């Protein structure tokens, strides 16, 4: 997204929230444009505008923050996420063939579920446990881990590409590598 695109989106916000922007000076506006241009540099201007407009029609007394807009963009574009119960159903099915086919079953699972399971051998271990324990204690722990894996995936998706490249270049991109198998 270019600075020109940002200026257009800021005009939409100023129209929607005139009292908020009434006391802003040109210097403050330029700083905001520069920050937005940097943080939305990798994003499609039409998608940013759609997210802003969606937030505006949703109500609210104040203009949205950059984070709110990024979250709304993610909500608009991300495929619907599987619930933890649906994810557990896949894991439970994988456990049914988990004694001998645990590696193949693990490979069939979506990446987020793999992250929540941790490793293929975990399926084999669960397959060897009694069914009642697996369907209660293990299921509960998995669902909690799955929610964490979903949150981590969402947070990673929201990191600007420029920040990801910086973290990769200095070798400290813990968030991107944490939980991956």
Protein backbone atom coordinates (compact mmCIF):
# COMPACT_ATOMS: atom_id res chain seq x y z
CA UNK A 1 0.00 0.00 0.00
CA UNK A 2 1.38 3.39 -0.94
CA UNK A 3 1.25 6.67 0.96
CA UNK A 4 -1.32 7.86 -1.57
CA UNK A 5 -3.50 4.88 -0.68
CA UNK A 6 -3.08 5.67 3.02
CA UNK A 7 -4.14 9.28 2.47
CA UNK A 8 -7.32 8.01 0.78
CA UNK A 9 -8.11 5.67 3.67
CA UNK A 10 -7.35 8.41 6.21
CA UNK A 11 -9.86 10.62 4.35
CA UNK A 12 -12.49 7.91 4.85
CA UNK A 13 -11.68 7.81 8.57
CA UNK A 14 -11.77 11.60 8.87
CA UNK A 15 -15.20 11.64 7.22
CA UNK A 16 -16.50 8.89 9.50
CA UNK A 17 -14.97 10.34 12.68
CA UNK A 18 -14.80 14.13 12.12
CA UNK A 19 -14.61 15.13 15.79
CA UNK A 20 -11.64 12.80 16.42
CA UNK A 21 -9.59 14.31 13.59
CA UNK A 22 -10.69 17.95 14.04
CA UNK A 23 -7.81 18.88 16.36
CA UNK A 24 -5.05 17.03 14.51
CA UNK A 25 -2.22 19.07 13.07
CA UNK A 26 -0.58 18.47 9.69
CA UNK A 27 2.55 17.11 11.40
CA UNK A 28 0.48 14.53 13.30
CA UNK A 29 -1.32 13.55 10.09
CA UNK A 30 1.96 13.08 8.22
CA UNK A 31 3.36 10.95 11.05
CA UNK A 32 0.22 8.81 10.93
CA UNK A 33 0.46 8.46 7.14
CA UNK A 34 4.10 7.42 7.39
CA UNK A 35 3.39 4.86 10.10
CA UNK A 36 0.42 3.41 8.23
CA UNK A 37 2.38 3.27 4.98
CA UNK A 38 5.11 1.32 6.76
CA UNK A 39 2.83 -1.08 8.62
CA UNK A 40 0.50 -1.69 5.67
CA UNK A 41 3.26 -1.71 3.01
CA UNK A 42 2.74 -5.42 2.26
CA UNK A 43 -1.06 -5.21 2.23
CA UNK A 44 -3.55 -4.68 -0.57
CA UNK A 45 -5.03 -1.18 -0.34
CA UNK A 46 -8.51 -2.40 -1.29
CA UNK A 47 -8.42 -4.99 1.49
CA UNK A 48 -7.31 -2.37 4.04
CA UNK A 49 -10.13 -0.07 2.88
CA UNK A 50 -12.64 -2.92 3.09
CA UNK A 51 -11.52 -3.72 6.63
CA UNK A 52 -11.77 -0.05 7.65
CA UNK A 53 -15.26 0.27 6.16
CA UNK A 54 -16.39 -2.95 7.82
CA UNK A 55 -15.24 -1.63 11.18
CA UNK A 56 -16.93 1.74 10.56
CA UNK A 57 -20.31 0.17 9.83
CA UNK A 58 -19.91 -1.99 12.93
CA UNK A 59 -20.12 1.14 15.04
CA UNK A 60 -17.80 2.58 17.60
CA UNK A 61 -17.07 6.06 18.83
CA UNK A 62 -13.39 6.05 17.84
CA UNK A 63 -11.50 5.25 14.67
CA UNK A 64 -9.95 1.78 14.57
CA UNK A 65 -6.35 1.17 15.54
CA UNK A 66 -3.87 -0.43 13.14
CA UNK A 67 -4.17 -3.65 15.12
CA UNK A 68 -7.96 -3.67 14.84
CA UNK A 69 -7.69 -3.17 11.08
CA UNK A 70 -5.08 -5.94 10.72
CA UNK A 71 -7.31 -8.30 12.74
CA UNK A 72 -10.34 -7.43 10.61
CA UNK A 73 -8.29 -8.02 7.43
CA UNK A 74 -7.33 -11.43 8.76
CA UNK A 75 -10.97 -12.21 9.62
CA UNK A 76 -12.08 -11.20 6.12
CA UNK A 77 -9.48 -13.29 4.29
CA UNK A 78 -8.67 -16.27 6.49
CA UNK A 79 -10.52 -19.50 5.86
CA UNK A 80 -12.86 -20.42 8.67
CA UNK A 81 -10.97 -22.09 11.47
CA UNK A 82 -11.80 -25.55 12.70
CA UNK A 83 -13.20 -25.67 16.22
CA UNK A 84 -11.25 -27.55 18.86
CA UNK A 85 -13.97 -30.24 18.91
CA UNK A 86 -13.67 -30.75 15.16
CA UNK A 87 -9.89 -30.86 15.46
CA UNK A 88 -10.10 -33.44 18.24
CA UNK A 89 -12.38 -35.59 16.08
CA UNK A 90 -9.59 -35.75 13.46
CA UNK A 91 -6.99 -36.59 16.09
CA UNK A 92 -9.22 -39.22 17.66
CA UNK A 93 -9.70 -40.82 14.25
CA UNK A 94 -5.92 -40.72 13.67
CA UNK A 95 -5.39 -42.46 17.01
CA UNK A 96 -7.57 -45.35 15.84
CA UNK A 97 -4.78 -46.25 13.39
CA UNK A 98 -2.10 -44.80 15.63
CA UNK A 99 -0.28 -47.90 16.79
CA UNK A 100 1.16 -48.93 13.43
CA UNK A 101 0.22 -46.05 11.13
CA UNK A 102 0.97 -43.12 13.40
CA UNK A 103 3.41 -41.42 11.01
CA UNK A 104 0.99 -41.59 8.07
CA UNK A 105 -1.90 -40.44 10.24
CA UNK A 106 0.14 -37.54 11.60
CA UNK A 107 1.10 -36.49 8.05
CA UNK A 108 -2.62 -36.32 7.09
CA UNK A 109 -3.41 -33.82 9.85
CA UNK A 110 -3.51 -30.07 9.06
CA UNK A 111 -0.42 -28.11 10.23
CA UNK A 112 -2.19 -26.41 13.14
CA UNK A 113 -3.38 -29.75 14.48
CA UNK A 114 0.11 -31.19 14.00
CA UNK A 115 1.48 -28.31 16.05
CA UNK A 116 -1.03 -29.04 18.82
CA UNK A 117 -0.23 -32.79 18.81
CA UNK A 118 3.49 -32.04 18.79
CA UNK A 119 4.97 -35.11 17.09
CA UNK A 120 3.84 -38.24 15.27
CA UNK A 121 4.89 -40.51 18.12
CA UNK A 122 2.35 -38.79 20.35
CA UNK A 123 -0.44 -40.40 18.31
CA UNK A 124 1.06 -43.84 18.98
CA UNK A 125 1.28 -43.12 22.70
CA UNK A 126 -2.35 -41.98 22.81
CA UNK A 127 -3.44 -45.02 20.77
CA UNK A 128 -1.93 -47.27 23.45
CA UNK A 129 -3.79 -45.59 26.32
CA UNK A 130 -7.23 -46.61 27.56
CA UNK A 131 -10.09 -45.05 25.59
CA UNK A 132 -11.70 -43.28 28.57
CA UNK A 133 -8.51 -41.42 29.45
CA UNK A 134 -7.90 -40.47 25.83
CA UNK A 135 -11.43 -39.16 25.35
CA UNK A 136 -11.40 -37.13 28.57
CA UNK A 137 -7.99 -36.03 29.85
CA UNK A 138 -6.05 -36.19 26.58
CA UNK A 139 -8.91 -34.60 24.64
CA UNK A 140 -9.11 -31.71 27.10
CA UNK A 141 -5.37 -31.11 27.03
CA UNK A 142 -5.29 -31.34 23.22
CA UNK A 143 -8.10 -28.81 22.85
CA UNK A 144 -6.26 -26.34 25.07
CA UNK A 145 -3.08 -26.85 23.03
CA UNK A 146 -5.01 -26.49 19.79
CA UNK A 147 -6.41 -23.11 20.88
CA UNK A 148 -2.85 -22.01 21.65
CA UNK A 149 -1.63 -23.23 18.25
CA UNK A 150 -4.47 -21.36 16.53
CA UNK A 151 -3.63 -18.17 18.45
CA UNK A 152 0.06 -18.49 17.57
CA UNK A 153 -0.76 -19.06 13.90
CA UNK A 154 -3.00 -15.98 13.85
CA UNK A 155 -0.37 -13.82 15.58
CA UNK A 156 2.28 -14.99 13.14
CA UNK A 157 0.04 -14.17 10.19
CA UNK A 158 -0.36 -10.61 11.48
CA UNK A 159 3.38 -9.88 11.71
CA UNK A 160 4.42 -7.57 8.86
CA UNK A 161 6.66 -9.23 6.26
CA UNK A 162 9.40 -6.66 6.91
CA UNK A 163 9.48 -7.65 10.59
CA UNK A 164 9.53 -11.36 9.70
CA UNK A 165 12.53 -10.77 7.40
CA UNK A 166 14.31 -8.78 10.10
CA UNK A 167 13.75 -11.51 12.69
CA UNK A 168 14.89 -14.18 10.23
CA UNK A 169 18.03 -12.22 9.42
CA UNK A 170 19.06 -11.95 13.07
CA UNK A 171 17.99 -15.52 13.83
CA UNK A 172 15.54 -14.62 16.59
CA UNK A 173 12.26 -15.47 14.95
CA UNK A 174 11.03 -17.60 17.83
CA UNK A 175 7.35 -16.96 17.14
CA UNK A 176 7.59 -18.28 13.59
CA UNK A 177 9.41 -21.47 14.53
CA UNK A 178 7.82 -22.17 17.90
CA UNK A 179 5.41 -25.06 17.82
CA UNK A 180 6.29 -26.18 14.30
CA UNK A 181 7.09 -29.81 13.71
